[in-house]
Protein backbone atom coordinates (compact mmCIF):
# COMPACT_ATOMS: atom_id res chain seq x y z
CA MET A 1 152.96 -57.06 16.03
CA GLY A 2 154.32 -60.11 17.91
CA PHE A 3 156.84 -57.98 19.79
CA LEU A 4 154.07 -55.65 20.99
CA LYS A 5 152.02 -58.65 22.15
CA VAL A 6 154.94 -59.98 24.21
CA ILE A 7 155.52 -56.59 25.81
CA LEU A 8 151.82 -56.26 26.74
CA ILE A 9 151.71 -59.79 28.20
CA LEU A 10 154.83 -59.10 30.26
CA LEU A 11 153.34 -55.85 31.59
CA LEU A 12 150.06 -57.59 32.40
CA VAL A 13 151.87 -60.39 34.28
CA TYR A 14 154.02 -57.82 36.11
CA TYR A 15 151.04 -55.80 37.35
CA LEU A 16 149.08 -58.96 38.22
CA VAL A 17 151.95 -60.27 40.35
CA LYS A 18 152.32 -56.84 41.92
CA MET A 19 148.62 -56.72 42.89
CA LEU A 20 148.65 -60.28 44.24
CA PHE A 21 151.75 -59.52 46.29
CA ARG A 22 150.09 -56.44 47.81
CA MET A 23 147.05 -58.51 48.72
CA PHE A 24 148.81 -61.52 50.20
CA ALA A 25 152.09 -60.11 51.54
CA PRO A 26 150.70 -58.84 54.89
CA ARG A 27 149.07 -62.20 55.60
CA LEU A 28 152.19 -64.05 54.56
CA PHE A 29 154.44 -61.89 56.74
CA SER A 30 152.15 -62.17 59.77
CA TYR A 31 152.04 -65.96 59.34
CA ALA A 32 155.85 -66.07 59.14
CA ALA A 33 156.15 -63.84 62.24
CA LYS A 34 153.79 -66.07 64.24
CA LYS A 35 155.68 -69.21 63.22
CA THR A 36 159.00 -67.60 64.12
CA GLU A 37 157.64 -66.45 67.48
CA ALA A 38 156.36 -69.96 68.24
CA HIS A 39 159.72 -71.45 67.26
CA PHE A 40 161.67 -69.05 69.53
CA LYS A 41 159.26 -69.65 72.41
CA GLU A 42 159.66 -73.40 72.03
CA ARG A 43 163.46 -73.13 71.97
CA PHE A 44 163.48 -70.80 75.00
CA ASP A 45 161.26 -73.15 77.00
CA GLU A 46 163.52 -76.07 76.07
CA PHE A 47 166.58 -74.10 77.16
CA ALA A 48 164.92 -73.09 80.44
CA ARG A 49 163.99 -76.71 81.19
CA GLN A 50 167.57 -77.87 80.56
CA ASN A 51 169.04 -75.29 82.91
CA GLY A 52 166.45 -75.80 85.62
CA GLN A 53 165.41 -72.18 85.72
CA GLN A 54 161.76 -73.08 86.23
CA ASP A 55 162.43 -74.99 89.48
CA GLU A 56 163.99 -72.05 91.32
CA PRO A 57 161.67 -69.58 93.02
CA ILE A 58 161.75 -66.09 91.60
CA GLY A 59 163.48 -63.52 93.78
CA ASP A 60 165.89 -65.83 95.62
CA ILE A 61 169.59 -65.11 95.39
CA ILE A 62 171.80 -68.12 94.79
CA ILE A 63 175.59 -67.87 94.88
CA ASP A 64 177.22 -70.88 93.31
CA LYS A 65 180.85 -70.04 94.00
CA LYS A 66 182.58 -67.54 96.23
CA PRO A 67 185.13 -65.52 94.25
CA SER A 68 188.73 -66.00 95.30
CA LYS A 69 190.62 -63.07 96.81
CA LYS A 70 193.87 -63.76 95.03
CA PHE A 71 194.54 -60.28 93.78
CA ASN A 72 198.23 -59.80 93.04
CA ALA A 73 198.56 -56.07 92.57
CA SER A 74 202.19 -55.20 92.33
CA LYS A 75 203.34 -51.86 93.75
CA LYS A 76 205.97 -51.65 91.03
CA VAL A 77 204.14 -50.17 88.09
CA GLY A 78 207.05 -49.49 85.83
CA GLU A 79 210.24 -47.54 85.38
CA TYR A 80 210.10 -43.81 86.00
CA ILE A 81 211.75 -41.70 83.33
CA ASP A 82 212.40 -38.01 83.94
CA PHE A 83 212.24 -35.99 80.77
CA GLU A 84 213.84 -32.59 80.45
CA GLU A 85 212.65 -29.84 78.18
CA ILE A 86 215.09 -28.63 75.58
CA ASP A 87 214.93 -24.96 74.57
């Protein structure tokens, strides 16, 4: 009889936790999503302030450094080997 009581209590607790999770999980997940969104927005704003992206007008093109034209392309690609077919 004691074994049956334990099994019934475990089943009751299982279904109670399952119902509570179904009721509160959407609210819990939406709260976590809002907190995560606020955290990312705060970090992005901090990063933008550090890099000075908010001071520059949108649409302007700024070139910090002109690329160098030191392109050493060698005409010698490699050694040419002529293969012959063997019948």
